[in-house]
Amino acid sequence: MLTRGDSVAAFAGWCVAGAGLCLGVLSILTIGPFALLFTLFLCAYLLWRLGFGWGMAGLVSGAAAPLLYVAWLNRGGPGEVCTGDSRALSCTDEWSPWPFVVGAVVLAVVGVLVFVRRRGR
């Protein structure tokens, strides 16, 4: 039996919530508390409107988006990466992006698989 919490729209809403939670944890010392507060209200709204369902697997898939952003920011790594123009040179240490890419792919696939397999039952 399908409920409102099992719809594709519910999955998309929970993906946004999962991205907000992951962003809040990754940036806890800067914008994290604000992101977590916004996400708390979003989760409350989704539970109020949709209830529980397999669409909540979107929390797992949504967490992949901030991880892909971190991988993009570290795309020049690992090691020291220097950029500059005719007047200045700036160097930073970057991590390897591949652990973030692998983590994001695993999270995205697991969330979608759980949603698709359990939704049909």
PDB file of N, CA and C in Angstrom:
ATOM      1  N   MET A   1       0.826  -1.173   0.000  1.00  0.00           N
ATOM      2  CA  MET A   1       0.000   0.000   0.000  1.00  0.00           C
ATOM      3  C   MET A   1       0.879   1.247   0.000  1.00  0.00           C
ATOM      4  N   LEU A   2       0.680   2.111  -0.959  1.00  0.00           N
ATOM      5  CA  LEU A   2       1.466   3.339  -1.043  1.00  0.00           C
ATOM      6  C   LEU A   2       0.781   4.448  -0.264  1.00  0.00           C
ATOM      7  N   THR A   3       1.595   5.241   0.415  1.00  0.00           N
ATOM      8  CA  THR A   3       1.092   6.406   1.135  1.00  0.00           C
ATOM      9  C   THR A   3       1.744   7.653   0.549  1.00  0.00           C
ATOM     10  N   ARG A   4       1.363   8.811   1.073  1.00  0.00           N
ATOM     11  CA  ARG A   4       1.957  10.055   0.585  1.00  0.00           C
ATOM     12  C   ARG A   4       3.455  10.089   0.861  1.00  0.00           C
ATOM     13  N   GLY A   5       3.898   9.442   1.925  1.00  0.00           N
ATOM     14  CA  GLY A   5       5.320   9.412   2.260  1.00  0.00           C
ATOM     15  C   GLY A   5       6.146   8.521   1.357  1.00  0.00           C
ATOM     16  N   ASP A   6       5.476   7.793   0.454  1.00  0.00           N
ATOM     17  CA  ASP A   6       6.180   6.911  -0.469  1.00  0.00           C
ATOM     18  C   ASP A   6       6.285   7.488  -1.876  1.00  0.00           C
ATOM     19  N   SER A   7       5.880   8.724  -2.077  1.00  0.00           N
ATOM     20  CA  SER A   7       5.866   9.299  -3.421  1.00  0.00           C
ATOM     21  C   SER A   7       7.252   9.813  -3.824  1.00  0.00           C
ATOM     22  N   VAL A   8       7.405  10.045  -5.104  1.00  0.00           N
ATOM     23  CA  VAL A   8       8.661  10.591  -5.629  1.00  0.00           C
ATOM     24  C   VAL A   8       8.864  12.013  -5.117  1.00  0.00           C
ATOM     25  N   ALA A   9       7.775  12.774  -4.978  1.00  0.00           N
ATOM     26  CA  ALA A   9       7.886  14.129  -4.431  1.00  0.00           C
ATOM     27  C   ALA A   9       8.369  14.097  -2.986  1.00  0.00           C
ATOM     28  N   ALA A  10       7.911  13.119  -2.211  1.00  0.00           N
ATOM     29  CA  ALA A  10       8.393  12.970  -0.837  1.00  0.00           C
ATOM     30  C   ALA A  10       9.873  12.644  -0.831  1.00  0.00           C
ATOM     31  N   PHE A  11      10.298  11.765  -1.735  1.00  0.00           N
ATOM     32  CA  PHE A  11      11.720  11.422  -1.834  1.00  0.00           C
ATOM     33  C   PHE A  11      12.548  12.663  -2.157  1.00  0.00           C
ATOM     34  N   ALA A  12      12.070  13.494  -3.079  1.00  0.00           N
ATOM     35  CA  ALA A  12      12.798  14.716  -3.442  1.00  0.00           C
ATOM     36  C   ALA A  12      12.871  15.679  -2.261  1.00  0.00           C
ATOM     37  N   GLY A  13      11.788  15.813  -1.529  1.00  0.00           N
ATOM     38  CA  GLY A  13      11.803  16.682  -0.351  1.00  0.00           C
ATOM     39  C   GLY A  13      12.768  16.197   0.703  1.00  0.00           C
ATOM     40  N   TRP A  14      12.798  14.907   0.928  1.00  0.00           N
ATOM     41  CA  TRP A  14      13.740  14.349   1.904  1.00  0.00           C
ATOM     42  C   TRP A  14      15.174  14.440   1.394  1.00  0.00           C
ATOM     43  N   CYS A  15      15.382  14.437   0.081  1.00  0.00           N
ATOM     44  CA  CYS A  15      16.734  14.654  -0.457  1.00  0.00           C
ATOM     45  C   CYS A  15      17.238  16.050  -0.103  1.00  0.00           C
ATOM     46  N   VAL A  16      16.358  17.038  -0.205  1.00  0.00           N
ATOM     47  CA  VAL A  16      16.735  18.398   0.174  1.00  0.00           C
ATOM     48  C   VAL A  16      17.073  18.447   1.661  1.00  0.00           C
ATOM     49  N   ALA A  17      16.283  17.770   2.470  1.00  0.00           N
ATOM     50  CA  ALA A  17      16.558  17.732   3.905  1.00  0.00           C
ATOM     51  C   ALA A  17      17.885  17.033   4.200  1.00  0.00           C
ATOM     52  N   GLY A  18      18.166  15.949   3.500  1.00  0.00           N
ATOM     53  CA  GLY A  18      19.442  15.246   3.700  1.00  0.00           C
ATOM     54  C   GLY A  18      20.630  16.093   3.306  1.00  0.00           C
ATOM     55  N   ALA A  19      20.481  16.850   2.217  1.00  0.00           N
ATOM     56  CA  ALA A  19      21.558  17.755   1.804  1.00  0.00           C
ATOM     57  C   ALA A  19      21.773  18.836   2.853  1.00  0.00           C
ATOM     58  N   GLY A  20      20.694  19.359   3.413  1.00  0.00           N
ATOM     59  CA  GLY A  20      20.813  20.377   4.452  1.00  0.00           C
ATOM     60  C   GLY A  20      21.474  19.845   5.709  1.00  0.00           C
ATOM     61  N   LEU A  21      21.133  18.626   6.098  1.00  0.00           N
ATOM     62  CA  LEU A  21      21.768  18.025   7.273  1.00  0.00           C
ATOM     63  C   LEU A  21      23.260  17.818   7.062  1.00  0.00           C
ATOM     64  N   CYS A  22      23.626  17.291   5.903  1.00  0.00           N
ATOM     65  CA  CYS A  22      25.037  17.061   5.611  1.00  0.00           C
ATOM     66  C   CYS A  22      25.798  18.377   5.524  1.00  0.00           C
ATOM     67  N   LEU A  23      25.208  19.376   4.890  1.00  0.00           N
ATOM     68  CA  LEU A  23      25.838  20.692   4.815  1.00  0.00           C
ATOM     69  C   LEU A  23      26.017  21.287   6.207  1.00  0.00           C
ATOM     70  N   GLY A  24      25.015  21.152   7.052  1.00  0.00           N
ATOM     71  CA  GLY A  24      25.108  21.667   8.406  1.00  0.00           C
ATOM     72  C   GLY A  24      26.214  21.013   9.207  1.00  0.00           C
ATOM     73  N   VAL A  25      26.383  19.718   9.041  1.00  0.00           N
ATOM     74  CA  VAL A  25      27.448  19.012   9.769  1.00  0.00           C
ATOM     75  C   VAL A  25      28.827  19.374   9.205  1.00  0.00           C
ATOM     76  N   LEU A  26      28.949  19.452   7.887  1.00  0.00           N
ATOM     77  CA  LEU A  26      30.244  19.774   7.281  1.00  0.00           C
ATOM     78  C   LEU A  26      30.693  21.202   7.587  1.00  0.00           C
ATOM     79  N   SER A  27      29.746  22.104   7.795  1.00  0.00           N
ATOM     80  CA  SER A  27      30.088  23.509   8.031  1.00  0.00           C
ATOM     81  C   SER A  27      29.640  23.962   9.414  1.00  0.00           C
ATOM     82  N   ILE A  28      29.786  23.097  10.395  1.00  0.00           N
ATOM     83  CA  ILE A  28      29.260  23.353  11.733  1.00  0.00           C
ATOM     84  C   ILE A  28      29.868  24.601  12.377  1.00  0.00           C
ATOM     85  N   LEU A  29      31.076  24.981  12.008  1.00  0.00           N
ATOM     86  CA  LEU A  29      31.721  26.143  12.627  1.00  0.00           C
ATOM     87  C   LEU A  29      31.411  27.457  11.919  1.00  0.00           C
ATOM     88  N   THR A  30      30.713  27.416  10.790  1.00  0.00           N
ATOM     89  CA  THR A  30      30.390  28.658  10.070  1.00  0.00           C
ATOM     90  C   THR A  30      28.874  28.786   9.919  1.00  0.00           C
ATOM     91  N   ILE A  31      28.321  28.313   8.822  1.00  0.00           N
ATOM     92  CA  ILE A  31      26.882  28.440   8.582  1.00  0.00           C
ATOM     93  C   ILE A  31      26.107  27.214   9.042  1.00  0.00           C
ATOM     94  N   GLY A  32      26.783  26.246   9.597  1.00  0.00           N
ATOM     95  CA  GLY A  32      26.156  24.985   9.981  1.00  0.00           C
ATOM     96  C   GLY A  32      24.951  25.110  10.887  1.00  0.00           C
ATOM     97  N   PRO A  33      25.033  25.891  11.973  1.00  0.00           N
ATOM     98  CA  PRO A  33      23.845  25.991  12.845  1.00  0.00           C
ATOM     99  C   PRO A  33      22.616  26.544  12.129  1.00  0.00           C
ATOM    100  N   PHE A  34      22.795  27.491  11.236  1.00  0.00           N
ATOM    101  CA  PHE A  34      21.664  28.035  10.487  1.00  0.00           C
ATOM    102  C   PHE A  34      21.098  27.003   9.512  1.00  0.00           C
ATOM    103  N   ALA A  35      21.993  26.265   8.863  1.00  0.00           N
ATOM    104  CA  ALA A  35      21.540  25.210   7.944  1.00  0.00           C
ATOM    105  C   ALA A  35      20.798  24.118   8.706  1.00  0.00           C
ATOM    106  N   LEU A  36      21.293  23.754   9.879  1.00  0.00           N
ATOM    107  CA  LEU A  36      20.629  22.727  10.668  1.00  0.00           C
ATOM    108  C   LEU A  36      19.271  23.203  11.181  1.00  0.00           C
ATOM    109  N   LEU A  37      19.173  24.471  11.542  1.00  0.00           N
ATOM    110  CA  LEU A  37      17.899  25.010  12.003  1.00  0.00           C
ATOM    111  C   LEU A  37      16.872  25.009  10.864  1.00  0.00           C
ATOM    112  N   PHE A  38      17.283  25.470   9.689  1.00  0.00           N
ATOM    113  CA  PHE A  38      16.398  25.441   8.524  1.00  0.00           C
ATOM    114  C   PHE A  38      15.966  24.006   8.207  1.00  0.00           C
ATOM    115  N   THR A  39      16.916  23.075   8.280  1.00  0.00           N
ATOM    116  CA  THR A  39      16.618  21.680   7.963  1.00  0.00           C
ATOM    117  C   THR A  39      15.684  21.065   9.000  1.00  0.00           C
ATOM    118  N   LEU A  40      15.819  21.465  10.256  1.00  0.00           N
ATOM    119  CA  LEU A  40      14.914  20.984  11.293  1.00  0.00           C
ATOM    120  C   LEU A  40      13.473  21.393  10.982  1.00  0.00           C
ATOM    121  N   PHE A  41      13.282  22.643  10.569  1.00  0.00           N
ATOM    122  CA  PHE A  41      11.941  23.092  10.197  1.00  0.00           C
ATOM    123  C   PHE A  41      11.438  22.367   8.942  1.00  0.00           C
ATOM    124  N   LEU A  42      12.322  22.128   7.990  1.00  0.00           N
ATOM    125  CA  LEU A  42      11.933  21.398   6.784  1.00  0.00           C
ATOM    126  C   LEU A  42      11.508  19.969   7.124  1.00  0.00           C
ATOM    127  N   CYS A  43      12.258  19.307   7.989  1.00  0.00           N
ATOM    128  CA  CYS A  43      11.904  17.936   8.387  1.00  0.00           C
ATOM    129  C   CYS A  43      10.557  17.910   9.112  1.00  0.00           C
ATOM    130  N   ALA A  44      10.322  18.886   9.983  1.00  0.00           N
ATOM    131  CA  ALA A  44       9.043  18.954  10.689  1.00  0.00           C
ATOM    132  C   ALA A  44       7.898  19.157   9.692  1.00  0.00           C
ATOM    133  N   TYR A  45       8.111  20.027   8.707  1.00  0.00           N
ATOM    134  CA  TYR A  45       7.084  20.262   7.693  1.00  0.00           C
ATOM    135  C   TYR A  45       6.822  18.994   6.877  1.00  0.00           C
ATOM    136  N   LEU A  46       7.882  18.311   6.472  1.00  0.00           N
ATOM    137  CA  LEU A  46       7.706  17.089   5.675  1.00  0.00           C
ATOM    138  C   LEU A  46       6.984  16.011   6.481  1.00  0.00           C
ATOM    139  N   LEU A  47       7.316  15.884   7.753  1.00  0.00           N
ATOM    140  CA  LEU A  47       6.617  14.896   8.576  1.00  0.00           C
ATOM    141  C   LEU A  47       5.157  15.279   8.775  1.00  0.00           C
ATOM    142  N   TRP A  48       4.884  16.562   8.920  1.00  0.00           N
ATOM    143  CA  TRP A  48       3.508  17.023   9.112  1.00  0.00           C
ATOM    144  C   TRP A  48       2.672  16.800   7.852  1.00  0.00           C
ATOM    145  N   ARG A  49       3.229  17.107   6.694  1.00  0.00           N
ATOM    146  CA  ARG A  49       2.476  17.010   5.447  1.00  0.00           C
ATOM    147  C   ARG A  49       2.457  15.593   4.868  1.00  0.00           C
ATOM    148  N   LEU A  50       3.572  14.869   4.987  1.00  0.00           N
ATOM    149  CA  LEU A  50       3.684  13.582   4.291  1.00  0.00           C
ATOM    150  C   LEU A  50       3.675  12.375   5.213  1.00  0.00           C
ATOM    151  N   GLY A  51       4.097  12.546   6.436  1.00  0.00           N
ATOM    152  CA  GLY A  51       4.194  11.421   7.354  1.00  0.00           C
ATOM    153  C   GLY A  51       5.422  10.567   7.046  1.00  0.00           C
ATOM    154  N   PHE A  52       5.480   9.443   7.708  1.00  0.00           N
ATOM    155  CA  PHE A  52       6.601   8.527   7.502  1.00  0.00           C
ATOM    156  C   PHE A  52       6.357   7.700   6.249  1.00  0.00           C
ATOM    157  N   GLY A  53       7.428   7.321   5.599  1.00  0.00           N
ATOM    158  CA  GLY A  53       7.325   6.494   4.408  1.00  0.00           C
ATOM    159  C   GLY A  53       8.717   6.218   3.867  1.00  0.00           C
ATOM    160  N   TRP A  54       8.761   5.464   2.803  1.00  0.00           N
ATOM    161  CA  TRP A  54      10.048   5.110   2.215  1.00  0.00           C
ATOM    162  C   TRP A  54      10.693   6.284   1.489  1.00  0.00           C
ATOM    163  N   GLY A  55       9.966   7.369   1.319  1.00  0.00           N
ATOM    164  CA  GLY A  55      10.565   8.572   0.767  1.00  0.00           C
ATOM    165  C   GLY A  55      11.652   9.142   1.655  1.00  0.00           C
ATOM    166  N   MET A  56      11.641   8.745   2.927  1.00  0.00           N
ATOM    167  CA  MET A  56      12.679   9.211   3.854  1.00  0.00           C
ATOM    168  C   MET A  56      14.061   8.673   3.496  1.00  0.00           C
ATOM    169  N   ALA A  57      14.134   7.728   2.588  1.00  0.00           N
ATOM    170  CA  ALA A  57      15.428   7.266   2.088  1.00  0.00           C
ATOM    171  C   ALA A  57      16.152   8.384   1.351  1.00  0.00           C
ATOM    172  N   GLY A  58      15.421   9.421   0.984  1.00  0.00           N
ATOM    173  CA  GLY A  58      16.035  10.588   0.364  1.00  0.00           C
ATOM    174  C   GLY A  58      17.014  11.294   1.280  1.00  0.00           C
ATOM    175  N   LEU A  59      16.891  11.108   2.598  1.00  0.00           N
ATOM    176  CA  LEU A  59      17.879  11.676   3.521  1.00  0.00           C
ATOM    177  C   LEU A  59      19.278  11.160   3.200  1.00  0.00           C
ATOM    178  N   VAL A  60      19.352   9.893   2.857  1.00  0.00           N
ATOM    179  CA  VAL A  60      20.650   9.287   2.537  1.00  0.00           C
ATOM    180  C   VAL A  60      21.156   9.791   1.189  1.00  0.00           C
ATOM    181  N   SER A  61      20.287   9.803   0.189  1.00  0.00           N
ATOM    182  CA  SER A  61      20.702  10.258  -1.139  1.00  0.00           C
ATOM    183  C   SER A  61      21.032  11.746  -1.149  1.00  0.00           C
ATOM    184  N   GLY A  62      20.301  12.537  -0.404  1.00  0.00           N
ATOM    185  CA  GLY A  62      20.546  13.975  -0.376  1.00  0.00           C
ATOM    186  C   GLY A  62      21.882  14.340   0.229  1.00  0.00           C
ATOM    187  N   ALA A  63      22.377  13.515   1.117  1.00  0.00           N
ATOM    188  CA  ALA A  63      23.669  13.788   1.745  1.00  0.00           C
ATOM    189  C   ALA A  63      24.817  13.717   0.740  1.00  0.00           C
ATOM    190  N   ALA A  64      24.565  13.178  -0.437  1.00  0.00           N
ATOM    191  CA  ALA A  64      25.610  13.068  -1.456  1.00  0.00           C
ATOM    192  C   ALA A  64      25.969  14.422  -2.063  1.00  0.00           C
ATOM    193  N   ALA A  65      25.022  15.347  -2.137  1.00  0.00           N
ATOM    194  CA  ALA A  65      25.273  16.631  -2.807  1.00  0.00           C
ATOM    195  C   ALA A  65      26.370  17.459  -2.142  1.00  0.00           C
ATOM    196  N   PRO A  66      26.342  17.673  -0.808  1.00  0.00           N
ATOM    197  CA  PRO A  66      27.445  18.425  -0.202  1.00  0.00           C
ATOM    198  C   PRO A  66      28.798  17.711  -0.315  1.00  0.00           C
ATOM    199  N   LEU A  67      28.768  16.379  -0.314  1.00  0.00           N
ATOM    200  CA  LEU A  67      30.034  15.652  -0.478  1.00  0.00           C
ATOM    201  C   LEU A  67      30.607  15.864  -1.873  1.00  0.00           C
ATOM    202  N   LEU A  68      29.743  15.906  -2.879  1.00  0.00           N
ATOM    203  CA  LEU A  68      30.233  16.194  -4.232  1.00  0.00           C
ATOM    204  C   LEU A  68      30.786  17.614  -4.330  1.00  0.00           C
ATOM    205  N   TYR A  69      30.189  18.545  -3.605  1.00  0.00           N
ATOM    206  CA  TYR A  69      30.708  19.916  -3.594  1.00  0.00           C
ATOM    207  C   TYR A  69      32.094  19.978  -2.949  1.00  0.00           C
ATOM    208  N   VAL A  70      32.285  19.248  -1.864  1.00  0.00           N
ATOM    209  CA  VAL A  70      33.615  19.195  -1.231  1.00  0.00           C
ATOM    210  C   VAL A  70      34.622  18.564  -2.185  1.00  0.00           C
ATOM    211  N   ALA A  71      34.217  17.533  -2.902  1.00  0.00           N
ATOM    212  CA  ALA A  71      35.110  16.921  -3.889  1.00  0.00           C
ATOM    213  C   ALA A  71      35.470  17.922  -4.981  1.00  0.00           C
ATOM    214  N   TRP A  72      34.509  18.714  -5.424  1.00  0.00           N
ATOM    215  CA  TRP A  72      34.769  19.724  -6.455  1.00  0.00           C
ATOM    216  C   TRP A  72      35.755  20.779  -5.945  1.00  0.00           C
ATOM    217  N   LEU A  73      35.601  21.191  -4.703  1.00  0.00           N
ATOM    218  CA  LEU A  73      36.516  22.193  -4.142  1.00  0.00           C
ATOM    219  C   LEU A  73      37.946  21.673  -4.045  1.00  0.00           C
ATOM    220  N   ASN A  74      38.109  20.365  -3.893  1.00  0.00           N
ATOM    221  CA  ASN A  74      39.431  19.762  -3.765  1.00  0.00           C
ATOM    222  C   ASN A  74      39.880  19.079  -5.053  1.00  0.00           C
ATOM    223  N   ARG A  75      39.344  19.495  -6.194  1.00  0.00           N
ATOM    224  CA  ARG A  75      39.616  18.809  -7.458  1.00  0.00           C
ATOM    225  C   ARG A  75      41.074  18.891  -7.890  1.00  0.00           C
ATOM    226  N   GLY A  76      41.839  19.834  -7.384  1.00  0.00           N
ATOM    227  CA  GLY A  76      43.245  19.947  -7.752  1.00  0.00           C
ATOM    228  C   GLY A  76      44.165  19.108  -6.880  1.00  0.00           C
ATOM    229  N   GLY A  77      43.633  18.539  -5.819  1.00  0.00           N
ATOM    230  CA  GLY A  77      44.444  17.819  -4.838  1.00  0.00           C
ATOM    231  C   GLY A  77      44.738  16.405  -5.268  1.00  0.00           C
ATOM    232  N   PRO A  78      45.455  15.692  -4.472  1.00  0.00           N
ATOM    233  CA  PRO A  78      45.968  16.045  -3.153  1.00  0.00           C
ATOM    234  C   PRO A  78      47.291  16.808  -3.244  1.00  0.00           C
ATOM    235  N   GLY A  79      47.548  17.543  -2.193  1.00  0.00           N
ATOM    236  CA  GLY A  79      48.804  18.271  -2.108  1.00  0.00           C
ATOM    237  C   GLY A  79      48.616  19.769  -2.204  1.00  0.00           C
ATOM    238  N   GLU A  80      49.716  20.455  -2.438  1.00  0.00           N
ATOM    239  CA  GLU A  80      49.694  21.906  -2.516  1.00  0.00           C
ATOM    240  C   GLU A  80      49.315  22.342  -3.931  1.00  0.00           C
ATOM    241  N   VAL A  81      48.328  23.230  -4.019  1.00  0.00           N
ATOM    242  CA  VAL A  81      47.837  23.729  -5.296  1.00  0.00           C
ATOM    243  C   VAL A  81      48.026  25.241  -5.303  1.00  0.00           C
ATOM    244  N   CYS A  82      48.704  25.743  -6.325  1.00  0.00           N
ATOM    245  CA  CYS A  82      48.984  27.171  -6.412  1.00  0.00           C
ATOM    246  C   CYS A  82      48.254  27.774  -7.611  1.00  0.00           C
ATOM    247  N   THR A  83      47.667  28.932  -7.400  1.00  0.00           N
ATOM    248  CA  THR A  83      47.029  29.687  -8.470  1.00  0.00           C
ATOM    249  C   THR A  83      47.525  31.122  -8.386  1.00  0.00           C
ATOM    250  N   GLY A  84      47.541  31.784  -9.502  1.00  0.00           N
ATOM    251  CA  GLY A  84      47.992  33.165  -9.471  1.00  0.00           C
ATOM    252  C   GLY A  84      47.815  33.856 -10.791  1.00  0.00           C
ATOM    253  N   ASP A  85      48.119  35.147 -10.765  1.00  0.00           N
ATOM    254  CA  ASP A  85      48.092  35.956 -11.968  1.00  0.00           C
ATOM    255  C   ASP A  85      49.412  36.723 -12.035  1.00  0.00           C
ATOM    256  N   SER A  86      49.429  37.823 -12.757  1.00  0.00           N
ATOM    257  CA  SER A  86      50.676  38.559 -12.943  1.00  0.00           C
ATOM    258  C   SER A  86      51.143  39.282 -11.682  1.00  0.00           C
ATOM    259  N   ARG A  87      50.247  39.435 -10.689  1.00  0.00           N
ATOM    260  CA  ARG A  87      50.620  40.186  -9.491  1.00  0.00           C
ATOM    261  C   ARG A  87      50.754  39.353  -8.233  1.00  0.00           C
ATOM    262  N   ALA A  88      50.041  38.248  -8.135  1.00  0.00           N
ATOM    263  CA  ALA A  88      50.020  37.513  -6.870  1.00  0.00           C
ATOM    264  C   ALA A  88      49.982  36.008  -7.125  1.00  0.00           C
ATOM    265  N   LEU A  89      50.451  35.280  -6.125  1.00  0.00           N
ATOM    266  CA  LEU A  89      50.450  33.822  -6.149  1.00  0.00           C
ATOM    267  C   LEU A  89      49.846  33.351  -4.836  1.00  0.00           C
ATOM    268  N   SER A  90      48.898  32.442  -4.917  1.00  0.00           N
ATOM    269  CA  SER A  90      48.229  31.919  -3.733  1.00  0.00           C
ATOM    270  C   SER A  90      48.315  30.395  -3.755  1.00  0.00           C
ATOM    271  N   CYS A  91      48.757  29.813  -2.650  1.00  0.00           N
ATOM    272  CA  CYS A  91      48.885  28.360  -2.556  1.00  0.00           C
ATOM    273  C   CYS A  91      48.061  27.839  -1.382  1.00  0.00           C
ATOM    274  N   THR A  92      47.397  26.703  -1.593  1.00  0.00           N
ATOM    275  CA  THR A  92      46.621  26.052  -0.541  1.00  0.00           C
ATOM    276  C   THR A  92      46.879  24.552  -0.586  1.00  0.00           C
ATOM    277  N   ASP A  93      46.674  23.909   0.549  1.00  0.00           N
ATOM    278  CA  ASP A  93      46.747  22.456   0.613  1.00  0.00           C
ATOM    279  C   ASP A  93      45.353  21.903   0.374  1.00  0.00           C
ATOM    280  N   GLU A  94      45.237  20.927  -0.518  1.00  0.00           N
ATOM    281  CA  GLU A  94      43.950  20.309  -0.807  1.00  0.00           C
ATOM    282  C   GLU A  94      44.034  18.812  -0.564  1.00  0.00           C
ATOM    283  N   TRP A  95      42.888  18.235  -0.227  1.00  0.00           N
ATOM    284  CA  TRP A  95      42.780  16.805  -0.021  1.00  0.00           C
ATOM    285  C   TRP A  95      42.499  16.116  -1.345  1.00  0.00           C
ATOM    286  N   SER A  96      42.573  14.806  -1.329  1.00  0.00           N
ATOM    287  CA  SER A  96      42.193  14.042  -2.506  1.00  0.00           C
ATOM    288  C   SER A  96      40.669  14.071  -2.637  1.00  0.00           C
ATOM    289  N   PRO A  97      40.155  14.356  -3.820  1.00  0.00           N
ATOM    290  CA  PRO A  97      38.693  14.408  -3.968  1.00  0.00           C
ATOM    291  C   PRO A  97      38.038  13.035  -4.050  1.00  0.00           C
ATOM    292  N   TRP A  98      38.803  11.998  -4.310  1.00  0.00           N
ATOM    293  CA  TRP A  98      38.210  10.691  -4.591  1.00  0.00           C
ATOM    294  C   TRP A  98      37.468  10.063  -3.420  1.00  0.00           C
ATOM    295  N   PRO A  99      37.922  10.177  -2.177  1.00  0.00           N
ATOM    296  CA  PRO A  99      37.098   9.625  -1.087  1.00  0.00           C
ATOM    297  C   PRO A  99      35.723  10.293  -0.988  1.00  0.00           C
ATOM    298  N   PHE A 100      35.657  11.582  -1.278  1.00  0.00           N
ATOM    299  CA  PHE A 100      34.375  12.283  -1.244  1.00  0.00           C
ATOM    300  C   PHE A 100      33.475  11.842  -2.393  1.00  0.00           C
ATOM    301  N   VAL A 101      34.053  11.622  -3.562  1.00  0.00           N
ATOM    302  CA  VAL A 101      33.274  11.166  -4.711  1.00  0.00           C
ATOM    303  C   VAL A 101      32.723   9.767  -4.453  1.00  0.00           C
ATOM    304  N   VAL A 102      33.556   8.887  -3.934  1.00  0.00           N
ATOM    305  CA  VAL A 102      33.110   7.523  -3.652  1.00  0.00           C
ATOM    306  C   VAL A 102      32.008   7.529  -2.600  1.00  0.00           C
ATOM    307  N   GLY A 103      32.197   8.311  -1.546  1.00  0.00           N
ATOM    308  CA  GLY A 103      31.163   8.406  -0.509  1.00  0.00           C
ATOM    309  C   GLY A 103      29.858   8.941  -1.054  1.00  0.00           C
ATOM    310  N   ALA A 104      29.926   9.953  -1.914  1.00  0.00           N
ATOM    311  CA  ALA A 104      28.717  10.536  -2.495  1.00  0.00           C
ATOM    312  C   ALA A 104      28.000   9.533  -3.398  1.00  0.00           C
ATOM    313  N   VAL A 105      28.740   8.817  -4.200  1.00  0.00           N
ATOM    314  CA  VAL A 105      28.120   7.833  -5.101  1.00  0.00           C
ATOM    315  C   VAL A 105      27.458   6.718  -4.293  1.00  0.00           C
ATOM    316  N   VAL A 106      28.135   6.242  -3.264  1.00  0.00           N
ATOM    317  CA  VAL A 106      27.563   5.181  -2.427  1.00  0.00           C
ATOM    318  C   VAL A 106      26.285   5.664  -1.752  1.00  0.00           C
ATOM    319  N   LEU A 107      26.304   6.860  -1.172  1.00  0.00           N
ATOM    320  CA  LEU A 107      25.113   7.382  -0.511  1.00  0.00           C
ATOM    321  C   LEU A 107      23.955   7.558  -1.493  1.00  0.00           C
ATOM    322  N   ALA A 108      24.236   8.114  -2.663  1.00  0.00           N
ATOM    323  CA  ALA A 108      23.181   8.338  -3.652  1.00  0.00           C
ATOM    324  C   ALA A 108      22.569   7.022  -4.117  1.00  0.00           C
ATOM    325  N   VAL A 109      23.393   6.040  -4.409  1.00  0.00           N
ATOM    326  CA  VAL A 109      22.897   4.754  -4.911  1.00  0.00           C
ATOM    327  C   VAL A 109      22.124   4.003  -3.828  1.00  0.00           C
ATOM    328  N   VAL A 110      22.625   4.005  -2.611  1.00  0.00           N
ATOM    329  CA  VAL A 110      21.944   3.284  -1.531  1.00  0.00           C
ATOM    330  C   VAL A 110      20.571   3.888  -1.273  1.00  0.00           C
ATOM    331  N   GLY A 111      20.482   5.210  -1.211  1.00  0.00           N
ATOM    332  CA  GLY A 111      19.186   5.849  -0.983  1.00  0.00           C
ATOM    333  C   GLY A 111      18.178   5.555  -2.072  1.00  0.00           C
ATOM    334  N   VAL A 112      18.616   5.637  -3.312  1.00  0.00           N
ATOM    335  CA  VAL A 112      17.705   5.369  -4.432  1.00  0.00           C
ATOM    336  C   VAL A 112      17.287   3.903  -4.442  1.00  0.00           C
ATOM    337  N   LEU A 113      18.221   2.995  -4.204  1.00  0.00           N
ATOM    338  CA  LEU A 113      17.877   1.568  -4.195  1.00  0.00           C
ATOM    339  C   LEU A 113      16.885   1.230  -3.097  1.00  0.00           C
ATOM    340  N   VAL A 114      17.097   1.771  -1.905  1.00  0.00           N
ATOM    341  CA  VAL A 114      16.154   1.510  -0.810  1.00  0.00           C
ATOM    342  C   VAL A 114      14.781   2.041  -1.172  1.00  0.00           C
ATOM    343  N   PHE A 115      14.726   3.242  -1.714  1.00  0.00           N
ATOM    344  CA  PHE A 115      13.434   3.827  -2.080  1.00  0.00           C
ATOM    345  C   PHE A 115      12.725   3.009  -3.154  1.00  0.00           C
ATOM    346  N   VAL A 116      13.421   2.649  -4.196  1.00  0.00           N
ATOM    347  CA  VAL A 116      12.808   1.926  -5.314  1.00  0.00           C
ATOM    348  C   VAL A 116      12.377   0.526  -4.904  1.00  0.00           C
ATOM    349  N   ARG A 117      13.224  -0.168  -4.158  1.00  0.00           N
ATOM    350  CA  ARG A 117      12.898  -1.561  -3.792  1.00  0.00           C
ATOM    351  C   ARG A 117      11.793  -1.635  -2.771  1.00  0.00           C
ATOM    352  N   ARG A 118      11.804  -0.739  -1.783  1.00  0.00           N
ATOM    353  CA  ARG A 118      10.795  -0.817  -0.721  1.00  0.00           C
ATOM    354  C   ARG A 118       9.478  -0.162  -1.114  1.00  0.00           C
ATOM    355  N   ARG A 119       9.521   0.768  -2.032  1.00  0.00           N
ATOM    356  CA  ARG A 119       8.302   1.477  -2.429  1.00  0.00           C
ATOM    357  C   ARG A 119       7.323   0.532  -3.106  1.00  0.00           C
ATOM    358  N   GLY A 120       7.830  -0.397  -3.876  1.00  0.00           N
ATOM    359  CA  GLY A 120       6.968  -1.305  -4.618  1.00  0.00           C
ATOM    360  C   GLY A 120       6.322  -2.382  -3.783  1.00  0.00           C
ATOM    361  N   ARG A 121       6.765  -2.564  -2.559  1.00  0.00           N
ATOM    362  CA  ARG A 121       6.205  -3.652  -1.719  1.00  0.00           C
ATOM    363  C   ARG A 121       4.982  -3.220  -0.977  1.00  0.00           C
TER     364      ARG A 121
END
